[in-house]
Amino acid sequence: RRVLFRSPKIAAVKIFSPAQIRKIFERFPRGNQLHMPCMLSYCTGMRLGECLALAWKHVDLASRTIEVVGNKYDKSGTCIQSPKTESSIRVITFGKKLADELQVQKLWQEKNSFQYGKYYDRTDFICTEACGKPLTSNNLRYFNLWCRQTFGGLSFHSFRHTHATMLIENGLALDYVSKRLGHSSIYTTANVYDTITDKREKEALSVMDSIL
């Protein structure tokens, strides 16, 4: 009896359009507590738990690098754990856009610390409420609800898919994208992202028309 191999079924990847990205940051601008985790994931492809676990000691603004070394979970109390796979521990580079946003976030936290005084929760986390209290995934539930009401779907995780898709569509190698996302295998990245872009198909057809 012959057994046919079937590839694991990959859920359809849903990404934000440029218009939706503009609308998101109009609704959650600088000074809104949800702005920073959204910007982090959009600019780096980091998972929600990785964004929430990120501390200033893990960011080098001079070299523009982020060390991803933890994941924040809210189950049975908020705690930070090591990533599940070794590949999730990684260094991510970032550009001027995120560097500027991080500088603004630092100034926002310093201003809030002065205003709240002794009532400010002084931690090293980057994603915090105005009072300094670290954000949890519960804080992001509103964002997911807002996405469903505004876009009819999508979620915070769509930032990760959007980031990866933009990199692939603009010609960055699949192995680079895979390492940036912290995937354990390039095959995972290929299964999820390598067939989702119409742009690359159109480019391929254009090349074939010119050389055949």
N, C-alpha and C. Protein backbone atom coordinates (compact mmCIF):
# COMPACT_ATOMS: atom_id res chain seq x y z
N ARG A 1 0.85 -1.20 0.00
CA ARG A 1 0.00 0.00 0.00
C ARG A 1 0.89 1.24 0.00
N ARG A 2 0.67 2.10 -0.95
CA ARG A 2 1.53 3.27 -1.09
C ARG A 2 0.99 4.43 -0.23
N VAL A 3 1.90 5.06 0.52
CA VAL A 3 1.52 6.19 1.36
C VAL A 3 2.06 7.46 0.73
N LEU A 4 1.18 8.41 0.47
CA LEU A 4 1.59 9.68 -0.12
C LEU A 4 1.99 10.65 0.96
N PHE A 5 3.11 11.35 0.73
CA PHE A 5 3.56 12.36 1.68
C PHE A 5 2.82 13.66 1.41
N ARG A 6 2.33 14.26 2.46
CA ARG A 6 1.65 15.54 2.33
C ARG A 6 2.37 16.58 3.17
N SER A 7 2.65 17.72 2.56
CA SER A 7 3.31 18.80 3.30
C SER A 7 2.36 19.34 4.34
N PRO A 8 2.90 19.79 5.48
CA PRO A 8 2.03 20.38 6.49
C PRO A 8 1.25 21.55 5.92
N LYS A 9 0.00 21.65 6.33
CA LYS A 9 -0.83 22.73 5.82
C LYS A 9 -0.46 24.03 6.52
N ILE A 10 -0.11 25.04 5.74
CA ILE A 10 0.28 26.33 6.28
C ILE A 10 -0.90 27.29 6.17
N ALA A 11 -1.24 27.92 7.28
CA ALA A 11 -2.34 28.88 7.27
C ALA A 11 -1.99 30.05 6.37
N ALA A 12 -3.00 30.60 5.74
CA ALA A 12 -2.78 31.73 4.84
C ALA A 12 -2.18 32.91 5.60
N VAL A 13 -1.14 33.50 5.03
CA VAL A 13 -0.48 34.64 5.65
C VAL A 13 -1.28 35.90 5.35
N LYS A 14 -1.58 36.66 6.37
CA LYS A 14 -2.33 37.90 6.21
C LYS A 14 -1.45 39.07 6.60
N ILE A 15 -1.34 40.02 5.69
CA ILE A 15 -0.45 41.16 5.94
C ILE A 15 -1.23 42.47 5.86
N PHE A 16 -0.65 43.51 6.48
CA PHE A 16 -1.22 44.85 6.41
C PHE A 16 -0.83 45.51 5.09
N SER A 17 -1.75 46.20 4.48
CA SER A 17 -1.44 47.00 3.29
C SER A 17 -0.79 48.31 3.76
N PRO A 18 -0.12 49.03 2.84
CA PRO A 18 0.45 50.33 3.22
C PRO A 18 -0.60 51.29 3.79
N ALA A 19 -1.80 51.27 3.21
CA ALA A 19 -2.87 52.15 3.71
C ALA A 19 -3.27 51.76 5.13
N GLN A 20 -3.30 50.46 5.41
CA GLN A 20 -3.65 50.00 6.75
C GLN A 20 -2.57 50.35 7.76
N ILE A 21 -1.31 50.26 7.34
CA ILE A 21 -0.21 50.65 8.22
C ILE A 21 -0.33 52.13 8.59
N ARG A 22 -0.63 52.98 7.61
CA ARG A 22 -0.80 54.41 7.90
C ARG A 22 -1.93 54.63 8.90
N LYS A 23 -3.02 53.90 8.70
CA LYS A 23 -4.18 54.05 9.58
C LYS A 23 -3.85 53.58 11.00
N ILE A 24 -3.08 52.52 11.11
CA ILE A 24 -2.69 52.01 12.43
C ILE A 24 -1.91 53.06 13.21
N PHE A 25 -0.91 53.67 12.57
CA PHE A 25 -0.08 54.61 13.31
C PHE A 25 -0.72 55.99 13.46
N GLU A 26 -1.79 56.24 12.71
CA GLU A 26 -2.61 57.41 12.98
C GLU A 26 -3.44 57.18 14.24
N ARG A 27 -3.92 55.94 14.40
CA ARG A 27 -4.73 55.60 15.57
C ARG A 27 -3.86 55.39 16.82
N PHE A 28 -2.65 54.88 16.64
CA PHE A 28 -1.75 54.61 17.77
C PHE A 28 -0.44 55.38 17.55
N PRO A 29 -0.48 56.70 17.70
CA PRO A 29 0.70 57.53 17.43
C PRO A 29 1.69 57.51 18.60
N ARG A 30 2.78 58.21 18.43
CA ARG A 30 3.74 58.37 19.51
C ARG A 30 3.03 58.91 20.75
N GLY A 31 3.36 58.36 21.91
CA GLY A 31 2.69 58.77 23.14
C GLY A 31 1.58 57.82 23.54
N ASN A 32 1.10 57.02 22.57
CA ASN A 32 0.13 55.97 22.89
C ASN A 32 0.92 54.74 23.34
N GLN A 33 0.49 54.08 24.40
CA GLN A 33 1.26 52.97 24.96
C GLN A 33 1.41 51.79 24.00
N LEU A 34 0.51 51.69 23.01
CA LEU A 34 0.59 50.58 22.06
C LEU A 34 1.46 50.90 20.85
N HIS A 35 1.89 52.15 20.75
CA HIS A 35 2.68 52.56 19.58
C HIS A 35 4.00 51.79 19.50
N MET A 36 4.71 51.68 20.62
CA MET A 36 6.05 51.10 20.58
C MET A 36 6.06 49.62 20.22
N PRO A 37 5.21 48.77 20.83
CA PRO A 37 5.24 47.37 20.40
C PRO A 37 4.86 47.20 18.93
N CYS A 38 3.91 48.01 18.46
CA CYS A 38 3.53 47.93 17.04
C CYS A 38 4.70 48.32 16.14
N MET A 39 5.40 49.39 16.49
CA MET A 39 6.52 49.84 15.68
C MET A 39 7.67 48.85 15.72
N LEU A 40 7.92 48.26 16.88
CA LEU A 40 8.99 47.27 17.00
C LEU A 40 8.75 46.08 16.08
N SER A 41 7.54 45.54 16.12
CA SER A 41 7.25 44.37 15.30
C SER A 41 7.23 44.71 13.82
N TYR A 42 6.70 45.87 13.48
CA TYR A 42 6.65 46.30 12.08
C TYR A 42 8.06 46.47 11.50
N CYS A 43 8.98 47.01 12.29
CA CYS A 43 10.33 47.31 11.80
C CYS A 43 11.31 46.16 11.93
N THR A 44 10.97 45.14 12.74
CA THR A 44 11.92 44.05 12.98
C THR A 44 11.36 42.66 12.72
N GLY A 45 10.03 42.51 12.70
CA GLY A 45 9.44 41.19 12.57
C GLY A 45 9.42 40.41 13.87
N MET A 46 9.70 41.07 14.99
CA MET A 46 9.71 40.38 16.28
C MET A 46 8.31 39.93 16.68
N ARG A 47 8.25 38.81 17.39
CA ARG A 47 6.99 38.31 17.93
C ARG A 47 6.52 39.21 19.07
N LEU A 48 5.24 39.15 19.40
CA LEU A 48 4.71 39.98 20.47
C LEU A 48 5.46 39.75 21.78
N GLY A 49 5.63 38.49 22.17
CA GLY A 49 6.33 38.20 23.42
C GLY A 49 7.75 38.72 23.44
N GLU A 50 8.41 38.72 22.28
CA GLU A 50 9.78 39.24 22.19
C GLU A 50 9.79 40.75 22.35
N CYS A 51 8.79 41.42 21.76
CA CYS A 51 8.69 42.88 21.91
C CYS A 51 8.47 43.25 23.37
N LEU A 52 7.57 42.54 24.04
CA LEU A 52 7.22 42.86 25.42
C LEU A 52 8.37 42.56 26.38
N ALA A 53 9.22 41.60 26.05
CA ALA A 53 10.35 41.23 26.91
C ALA A 53 11.57 42.11 26.67
N LEU A 54 11.55 42.93 25.63
CA LEU A 54 12.72 43.70 25.26
C LEU A 54 13.02 44.80 26.29
N ALA A 55 14.27 44.84 26.73
CA ALA A 55 14.72 45.85 27.68
C ALA A 55 15.75 46.76 27.02
N TRP A 56 15.94 47.93 27.59
CA TRP A 56 16.89 48.89 27.02
C TRP A 56 18.31 48.31 26.99
N LYS A 57 18.64 47.45 27.93
CA LYS A 57 19.98 46.86 27.95
C LYS A 57 20.23 45.95 26.75
N HIS A 58 19.16 45.56 26.06
CA HIS A 58 19.29 44.70 24.89
C HIS A 58 19.36 45.50 23.58
N VAL A 59 19.33 46.83 23.69
CA VAL A 59 19.32 47.68 22.50
C VAL A 59 20.59 48.53 22.46
N ASP A 60 21.26 48.52 21.33
CA ASP A 60 22.43 49.36 21.11
C ASP A 60 22.07 50.37 20.03
N LEU A 61 21.78 51.60 20.45
CA LEU A 61 21.36 52.62 19.49
C LEU A 61 22.52 53.07 18.61
N ALA A 62 23.74 52.93 19.09
CA ALA A 62 24.91 53.34 18.29
C ALA A 62 25.11 52.40 17.10
N SER A 63 25.05 51.10 17.35
CA SER A 63 25.24 50.13 16.27
C SER A 63 23.91 49.71 15.65
N ARG A 64 22.81 50.19 16.24
CA ARG A 64 21.46 49.86 15.77
C ARG A 64 21.23 48.36 15.72
N THR A 65 21.39 47.74 16.85
CA THR A 65 21.14 46.31 16.97
C THR A 65 20.27 46.02 18.19
N ILE A 66 19.50 44.95 18.07
CA ILE A 66 18.65 44.47 19.16
C ILE A 66 19.02 43.02 19.44
N GLU A 67 19.23 42.69 20.71
CA GLU A 67 19.44 41.30 21.12
C GLU A 67 18.10 40.72 21.56
N VAL A 68 17.65 39.70 20.88
CA VAL A 68 16.41 39.02 21.27
C VAL A 68 16.81 37.83 22.13
N VAL A 69 16.52 37.91 23.42
CA VAL A 69 16.98 36.87 24.35
C VAL A 69 15.86 36.32 25.22
N GLY A 70 14.64 36.84 25.05
CA GLY A 70 13.56 36.37 25.90
C GLY A 70 12.20 36.53 25.28
N ASN A 71 11.22 35.94 25.94
CA ASN A 71 9.83 35.97 25.49
C ASN A 71 8.96 36.19 26.73
N LYS A 72 8.05 37.13 26.68
CA LYS A 72 7.21 37.38 27.85
C LYS A 72 5.88 36.64 27.69
N TYR A 73 5.56 35.85 28.69
CA TYR A 73 4.31 35.09 28.71
C TYR A 73 3.43 35.60 29.85
N ASP A 74 2.13 35.59 29.64
CA ASP A 74 1.20 36.05 30.67
C ASP A 74 0.46 34.92 31.35
N LYS A 75 0.77 33.68 30.98
CA LYS A 75 0.11 32.55 31.61
C LYS A 75 0.66 32.33 33.02
N SER A 76 -0.26 32.07 33.95
CA SER A 76 0.09 31.85 35.36
C SER A 76 1.02 32.95 35.87
N GLY A 77 0.61 34.18 35.60
CA GLY A 77 1.43 35.31 36.02
C GLY A 77 2.40 35.70 34.92
N THR A 78 2.78 36.97 34.90
CA THR A 78 3.68 37.44 33.86
C THR A 78 5.11 37.02 34.16
N CYS A 79 5.74 36.37 33.20
CA CYS A 79 7.12 35.95 33.40
C CYS A 79 7.84 35.96 32.06
N ILE A 80 9.15 36.09 32.14
CA ILE A 80 9.99 36.08 30.94
C ILE A 80 10.76 34.77 30.90
N GLN A 81 10.66 34.10 29.78
CA GLN A 81 11.34 32.83 29.61
C GLN A 81 12.28 32.90 28.42
N SER A 82 13.21 31.98 28.37
CA SER A 82 14.07 31.88 27.21
C SER A 82 13.25 31.42 26.01
N PRO A 83 13.61 31.86 24.80
CA PRO A 83 12.90 31.39 23.61
C PRO A 83 12.92 29.87 23.52
N LYS A 84 11.91 29.31 22.87
CA LYS A 84 11.78 27.86 22.79
C LYS A 84 12.90 27.22 21.97
N THR A 85 13.38 27.92 20.95
CA THR A 85 14.43 27.35 20.10
C THR A 85 15.68 28.22 20.15
N GLU A 86 16.81 27.61 19.91
CA GLU A 86 18.09 28.33 19.93
C GLU A 86 18.14 29.41 18.86
N SER A 87 17.50 29.16 17.73
CA SER A 87 17.52 30.13 16.63
C SER A 87 16.74 31.40 16.95
N SER A 88 15.84 31.33 17.95
CA SER A 88 15.08 32.52 18.33
C SER A 88 15.94 33.53 19.06
N ILE A 89 17.05 33.06 19.64
CA ILE A 89 18.01 33.97 20.27
C ILE A 89 18.88 34.53 19.15
N ARG A 90 18.76 35.82 18.90
CA ARG A 90 19.40 36.38 17.72
C ARG A 90 19.65 37.87 17.89
N VAL A 91 20.42 38.44 16.98
CA VAL A 91 20.67 39.87 16.94
C VAL A 91 20.02 40.41 15.67
N ILE A 92 19.21 41.44 15.83
CA ILE A 92 18.50 42.05 14.70
C ILE A 92 19.01 43.47 14.50
N THR A 93 19.34 43.81 13.28
CA THR A 93 19.72 45.18 12.97
C THR A 93 18.47 45.99 12.62
N PHE A 94 18.54 47.29 12.84
CA PHE A 94 17.40 48.14 12.49
C PHE A 94 17.89 49.47 11.93
N GLY A 95 17.00 50.14 11.23
CA GLY A 95 17.34 51.37 10.53
C GLY A 95 17.02 52.64 11.30
N LYS A 96 17.15 53.75 10.61
CA LYS A 96 16.97 55.08 11.22
C LYS A 96 15.55 55.28 11.74
N LYS A 97 14.57 54.75 11.03
CA LYS A 97 13.17 54.94 11.44
C LYS A 97 12.93 54.42 12.85
N LEU A 98 13.35 53.18 13.11
CA LEU A 98 13.15 52.62 14.44
C LEU A 98 14.08 53.29 15.45
N ALA A 99 15.28 53.66 15.04
CA ALA A 99 16.20 54.35 15.95
C ALA A 99 15.57 55.64 16.47
N ASP A 100 14.94 56.39 15.56
CA ASP A 100 14.27 57.63 15.96
C ASP A 100 13.11 57.35 16.91
N GLU A 101 12.36 56.29 16.62
CA GLU A 101 11.22 55.93 17.46
C GLU A 101 11.68 55.53 18.87
N LEU A 102 12.78 54.82 18.96
CA LEU A 102 13.30 54.41 20.25
C LEU A 102 13.79 55.60 21.06
N GLN A 103 14.40 56.56 20.39
CA GLN A 103 14.83 57.77 21.08
C GLN A 103 13.63 58.52 21.65
N VAL A 104 12.57 58.62 20.87
CA VAL A 104 11.35 59.30 21.32
C VAL A 104 10.74 58.55 22.50
N GLN A 105 10.74 57.21 22.43
CA GLN A 105 10.20 56.40 23.53
C GLN A 105 10.98 56.62 24.81
N LYS A 106 12.29 56.72 24.70
CA LYS A 106 13.13 56.94 25.89
C LYS A 106 12.80 58.29 26.52
N LEU A 107 12.64 59.32 25.70
CA LEU A 107 12.30 60.65 26.20
C LEU A 107 10.90 60.65 26.83
N TRP A 108 9.96 59.90 26.22
CA TRP A 108 8.60 59.79 26.75
C TRP A 108 8.62 59.16 28.13
N GLN A 109 9.40 58.11 28.30
CA GLN A 109 9.50 57.44 29.60
C GLN A 109 10.16 58.35 30.64
N GLU A 110 11.18 59.11 30.22
CA GLU A 110 11.84 60.02 31.15
C GLU A 110 10.89 61.12 31.60
N LYS A 111 10.08 61.65 30.66
CA LYS A 111 9.11 62.68 31.01
C LYS A 111 8.06 62.13 31.96
N ASN A 112 7.58 60.92 31.68
CA ASN A 112 6.57 60.31 32.55
C ASN A 112 7.14 60.01 33.94
N SER A 113 8.40 59.61 33.99
CA SER A 113 9.04 59.34 35.27
C SER A 113 9.08 60.60 36.13
N PHE A 114 9.36 61.72 35.51
CA PHE A 114 9.39 63.01 36.23
C PHE A 114 7.99 63.38 36.72
N GLN A 115 6.99 63.19 35.84
CA GLN A 115 5.63 63.60 36.18
C GLN A 115 5.01 62.71 37.26
N TYR A 116 5.27 61.40 37.18
CA TYR A 116 4.69 60.47 38.15
C TYR A 116 5.47 60.42 39.46
N GLY A 117 6.73 60.83 39.39
CA GLY A 117 7.55 60.85 40.60
C GLY A 117 7.69 59.48 41.23
N LYS A 118 7.43 59.41 42.54
CA LYS A 118 7.61 58.15 43.27
C LYS A 118 6.60 57.08 42.86
N TYR A 119 5.56 57.49 42.13
CA TYR A 119 4.54 56.53 41.71
C TYR A 119 4.87 55.88 40.36
N TYR A 120 5.99 56.27 39.79
CA TYR A 120 6.39 55.69 38.50
C TYR A 120 7.04 54.34 38.73
N ASP A 121 6.66 53.37 37.92
CA ASP A 121 7.21 52.01 38.02
C ASP A 121 8.50 51.96 37.20
N ARG A 122 9.63 52.05 37.86
CA ARG A 122 10.91 52.12 37.16
C ARG A 122 11.44 50.73 36.82
N THR A 123 11.36 50.39 35.56
CA THR A 123 11.90 49.14 35.06
C THR A 123 12.75 49.45 33.84
N ASP A 124 13.36 48.43 33.27
CA ASP A 124 14.20 48.63 32.08
C ASP A 124 13.46 48.28 30.80
N PHE A 125 12.18 47.95 30.90
CA PHE A 125 11.43 47.54 29.71
C PHE A 125 11.16 48.71 28.78
N ILE A 126 11.11 48.42 27.50
CA ILE A 126 10.86 49.45 26.50
C ILE A 126 9.37 49.68 26.31
N CYS A 127 8.59 48.62 26.32
CA CYS A 127 7.14 48.74 26.11
C CYS A 127 6.43 48.85 27.46
N THR A 128 6.01 50.07 27.79
CA THR A 128 5.39 50.32 29.08
C THR A 128 4.16 51.20 28.95
N GLU A 129 3.37 51.22 30.01
CA GLU A 129 2.29 52.18 30.13
C GLU A 129 2.91 53.52 30.53
N ALA A 130 2.08 54.58 30.55
CA ALA A 130 2.58 55.90 30.92
C ALA A 130 3.16 55.91 32.34
N CYS A 131 2.61 55.08 33.21
CA CYS A 131 3.08 55.02 34.60
C CYS A 131 4.32 54.16 34.77
N GLY A 132 4.83 53.62 33.68
CA GLY A 132 6.03 52.81 33.73
C GLY A 132 5.78 51.32 33.86
N LYS A 133 4.56 50.93 34.12
CA LYS A 133 4.23 49.52 34.27
C LYS A 133 4.45 48.79 32.94
N PRO A 134 5.17 47.67 32.94
CA PRO A 134 5.43 46.94 31.70
C PRO A 134 4.13 46.45 31.05
N LEU A 135 4.06 46.55 29.74
CA LEU A 135 2.91 46.04 29.01
C LEU A 135 2.90 44.51 29.02
N THR A 136 1.71 43.94 28.92
CA THR A 136 1.54 42.50 28.77
C THR A 136 0.70 42.24 27.53
N SER A 137 0.57 40.99 27.17
CA SER A 137 -0.25 40.66 25.99
C SER A 137 -1.71 41.07 26.19
N ASN A 138 -2.15 41.16 27.43
CA ASN A 138 -3.52 41.60 27.68
C ASN A 138 -3.76 43.02 27.18
N ASN A 139 -2.71 43.87 27.26
CA ASN A 139 -2.82 45.24 26.76
C ASN A 139 -3.06 45.27 25.26
N LEU A 140 -2.54 44.23 24.55
CA LEU A 140 -2.65 44.22 23.09
C LEU A 140 -3.96 43.62 22.60
N ARG A 141 -4.79 43.13 23.51
CA ARG A 141 -6.08 42.59 23.08
C ARG A 141 -6.92 43.66 22.40
N TYR A 142 -6.82 44.89 22.91
CA TYR A 142 -7.58 45.98 22.29
C TYR A 142 -7.15 46.20 20.85
N PHE A 143 -5.83 46.10 20.61
CA PHE A 143 -5.34 46.28 19.24
C PHE A 143 -5.95 45.24 18.30
N ASN A 144 -5.97 43.99 18.74
CA ASN A 144 -6.53 42.92 17.90
C ASN A 144 -8.02 43.13 17.66
N LEU A 145 -8.73 43.59 18.69
CA LEU A 145 -10.15 43.88 18.55
C LEU A 145 -10.36 45.03 17.57
N TRP A 146 -9.52 46.06 17.69
CA TRP A 146 -9.61 47.21 16.79
C TRP A 146 -9.37 46.79 15.35
N CYS A 147 -8.40 45.90 15.13
CA CYS A 147 -8.12 45.40 13.78
C CYS A 147 -9.32 44.67 13.20
N ARG A 148 -9.96 43.84 14.01
CA ARG A 148 -11.14 43.12 13.52
C ARG A 148 -12.26 44.08 13.17
N GLN A 149 -12.46 45.08 13.98
CA GLN A 149 -13.54 46.04 13.73
C GLN A 149 -13.22 46.96 12.56
N THR A 150 -11.94 47.31 12.40
CA THR A 150 -11.54 48.29 11.38
C THR A 150 -11.23 47.64 10.03
N PHE A 151 -10.55 46.49 10.07
CA PHE A 151 -10.11 45.83 8.84
C PHE A 151 -10.84 44.53 8.55
N GLY A 152 -11.69 44.11 9.46
CA GLY A 152 -12.41 42.86 9.27
C GLY A 152 -11.55 41.64 9.54
N GLY A 153 -10.43 41.84 10.22
CA GLY A 153 -9.51 40.73 10.52
C GLY A 153 -8.13 41.26 10.82
N LEU A 154 -7.12 40.42 10.69
CA LEU A 154 -5.72 40.76 10.98
C LEU A 154 -5.51 40.90 12.49
N SER A 155 -4.25 40.96 12.89
CA SER A 155 -3.93 41.01 14.32
C SER A 155 -2.51 41.53 14.48
N PHE A 156 -2.04 41.59 15.72
CA PHE A 156 -0.68 42.06 15.97
C PHE A 156 0.34 41.20 15.22
N HIS A 157 0.10 39.90 15.12
CA HIS A 157 1.03 39.00 14.45
C HIS A 157 1.18 39.34 12.97
N SER A 158 0.22 40.08 12.41
CA SER A 158 0.29 40.48 11.01
C SER A 158 1.47 41.41 10.75
N PHE A 159 1.94 42.11 11.79
CA PHE A 159 3.15 42.94 11.61
C PHE A 159 4.34 42.07 11.21
N ARG A 160 4.47 40.94 11.85
CA ARG A 160 5.58 40.00 11.57
C ARG A 160 5.50 39.51 10.13
N HIS A 161 4.30 39.12 9.70
CA HIS A 161 4.12 38.67 8.32
C HIS A 161 4.37 39.81 7.33
N THR A 162 3.92 41.00 7.68
CA THR A 162 4.11 42.16 6.80
C THR A 162 5.59 42.47 6.63
N HIS A 163 6.33 42.45 7.73
CA HIS A 163 7.77 42.73 7.69
C HIS A 163 8.48 41.73 6.80
N ALA A 164 8.22 40.45 7.01
CA ALA A 164 8.88 39.41 6.22
C ALA A 164 8.53 39.53 4.74
N THR A 165 7.26 39.77 4.46
CA THR A 165 6.82 39.86 3.07
C THR A 165 7.48 41.04 2.36
N MET A 166 7.59 42.19 3.03
CA MET A 166 8.23 43.35 2.42
C MET A 166 9.70 43.08 2.11
N LEU A 167 10.39 42.38 3.01
CA LEU A 167 11.80 42.07 2.77
C LEU A 167 11.96 41.15 1.56
N ILE A 168 11.11 40.12 1.48
CA ILE A 168 11.20 39.17 0.38
C ILE A 168 10.84 39.84 -0.95
N GLU A 169 9.80 40.65 -0.94
CA GLU A 169 9.38 41.32 -2.17
C GLU A 169 10.43 42.30 -2.68
N ASN A 170 11.25 42.80 -1.78
CA ASN A 170 12.28 43.76 -2.18
C ASN A 170 13.64 43.11 -2.37
N GLY A 171 13.64 41.78 -2.53
CA GLY A 171 14.83 41.10 -3.00
C GLY A 171 15.79 40.56 -1.96
N LEU A 172 15.46 40.65 -0.67
CA LEU A 172 16.36 40.10 0.33
C LEU A 172 16.28 38.57 0.34
N ALA A 173 17.41 37.94 0.55
CA ALA A 173 17.49 36.48 0.46
C ALA A 173 16.66 35.80 1.54
N LEU A 174 16.13 34.64 1.19
CA LEU A 174 15.25 33.91 2.09
C LEU A 174 15.99 33.48 3.36
N ASP A 175 17.28 33.11 3.22
CA ASP A 175 18.01 32.69 4.42
C ASP A 175 18.22 33.85 5.39
N TYR A 176 18.39 35.07 4.85
CA TYR A 176 18.52 36.25 5.71
C TYR A 176 17.22 36.51 6.46
N VAL A 177 16.11 36.46 5.74
CA VAL A 177 14.79 36.69 6.36
C VAL A 177 14.52 35.63 7.43
N SER A 178 14.90 34.39 7.14
CA SER A 178 14.69 33.30 8.08
C SER A 178 15.43 33.54 9.39
N LYS A 179 16.69 33.95 9.30
CA LYS A 179 17.48 34.22 10.50
C LYS A 179 16.94 35.43 11.24
N ARG A 180 16.50 36.43 10.51
CA ARG A 180 15.96 37.64 11.13
C ARG A 180 14.70 37.34 11.94
N LEU A 181 13.88 36.44 11.41
CA LEU A 181 12.64 36.06 12.09
C LEU A 181 12.87 35.08 13.23
N GLY A 182 14.05 34.44 13.25
CA GLY A 182 14.33 33.46 14.29
C GLY A 182 13.72 32.11 14.02
N HIS A 183 13.49 31.79 12.73
CA HIS A 183 12.97 30.48 12.38
C HIS A 183 14.04 29.42 12.58
N SER A 184 13.63 28.23 12.97
CA SER A 184 14.58 27.14 13.20
C SER A 184 15.10 26.55 11.89
N SER A 185 14.38 26.79 10.81
CA SER A 185 14.77 26.24 9.52
C SER A 185 14.33 27.17 8.40
N ILE A 186 15.16 27.26 7.37
CA ILE A 186 14.79 28.07 6.21
C ILE A 186 13.56 27.49 5.50
N TYR A 187 13.33 26.17 5.69
CA TYR A 187 12.17 25.55 5.06
C TYR A 187 10.87 26.08 5.67
N THR A 188 10.92 26.43 6.95
CA THR A 188 9.74 27.03 7.58
C THR A 188 9.43 28.36 6.91
N THR A 189 10.45 29.16 6.70
CA THR A 189 10.27 30.46 6.05
C THR A 189 9.76 30.29 4.62
N ALA A 190 10.34 29.32 3.92
CA ALA A 190 9.92 29.07 2.53
C ALA A 190 8.46 28.64 2.47
N ASN A 191 8.05 27.74 3.37
CA ASN A 191 6.67 27.26 3.37
C ASN A 191 5.68 28.39 3.63
N VAL A 192 6.06 29.30 4.51
CA VAL A 192 5.13 30.35 4.90
C VAL A 192 5.11 31.50 3.90
N TYR A 193 6.31 31.91 3.42
CA TYR A 193 6.39 33.17 2.69
C TYR A 193 6.78 33.07 1.21
N ASP A 194 7.39 31.99 0.79
CA ASP A 194 8.01 32.00 -0.53
C ASP A 194 7.02 31.96 -1.69
N THR A 195 5.77 31.70 -1.43
CA THR A 195 4.81 31.63 -2.54
C THR A 195 3.67 32.64 -2.39
N ILE A 196 3.86 33.65 -1.56
CA ILE A 196 2.73 34.54 -1.29
C ILE A 196 2.76 35.85 -2.05
N THR A 197 3.83 36.12 -2.78
CA THR A 197 3.94 37.44 -3.38
C THR A 197 3.72 37.41 -4.89
N ASP A 198 2.69 38.08 -5.31
CA ASP A 198 2.41 38.21 -6.74
C ASP A 198 3.49 39.06 -7.42
N LYS A 199 4.09 39.97 -6.66
CA LYS A 199 5.09 40.86 -7.22
C LYS A 199 6.25 40.07 -7.81
N ARG A 200 6.72 39.06 -7.10
CA ARG A 200 7.86 38.28 -7.60
C ARG A 200 7.48 37.47 -8.82
N GLU A 201 6.24 36.98 -8.88
CA GLU A 201 5.78 36.24 -10.05
C GLU A 201 5.77 37.15 -11.28
N LYS A 202 5.31 38.39 -11.11
CA LYS A 202 5.26 39.34 -12.22
C LYS A 202 6.67 39.69 -12.69
N GLU A 203 7.60 39.83 -11.73
CA GLU A 203 8.98 40.13 -12.08
C GLU A 203 9.59 38.98 -12.86
N ALA A 204 9.29 37.74 -12.43
CA ALA A 204 9.81 36.56 -13.12
C ALA A 204 9.30 36.49 -14.55
N LEU A 205 8.02 36.78 -14.75
CA LEU A 205 7.43 36.76 -16.09
C LEU A 205 8.08 37.83 -16.97
N SER A 206 8.34 38.99 -16.38
CA SER A 206 8.98 40.08 -17.13
C SER A 206 10.38 39.68 -17.60
N VAL A 207 11.12 39.02 -16.71
CA VAL A 207 12.48 38.56 -17.06
C VAL A 207 12.42 37.52 -18.17
N MET A 208 11.49 36.57 -18.04
CA MET A 208 11.37 35.53 -19.06
C MET A 208 10.98 36.09 -20.40
N ASP A 209 10.10 37.07 -20.42
CA ASP A 209 9.69 37.70 -21.68
C ASP A 209 10.86 38.41 -22.35
N SER A 210 11.79 38.90 -21.54
CA SER A 210 12.91 39.66 -22.11
C SER A 210 14.04 38.77 -22.60
N ILE A 211 14.13 37.54 -22.08
CA ILE A 211 15.27 36.71 -22.44
C ILE A 211 14.92 35.49 -23.31
N LEU A 212 13.66 35.13 -23.35
CA LEU A 212 13.29 33.94 -24.12
C LEU A 212 12.93 34.29 -25.56
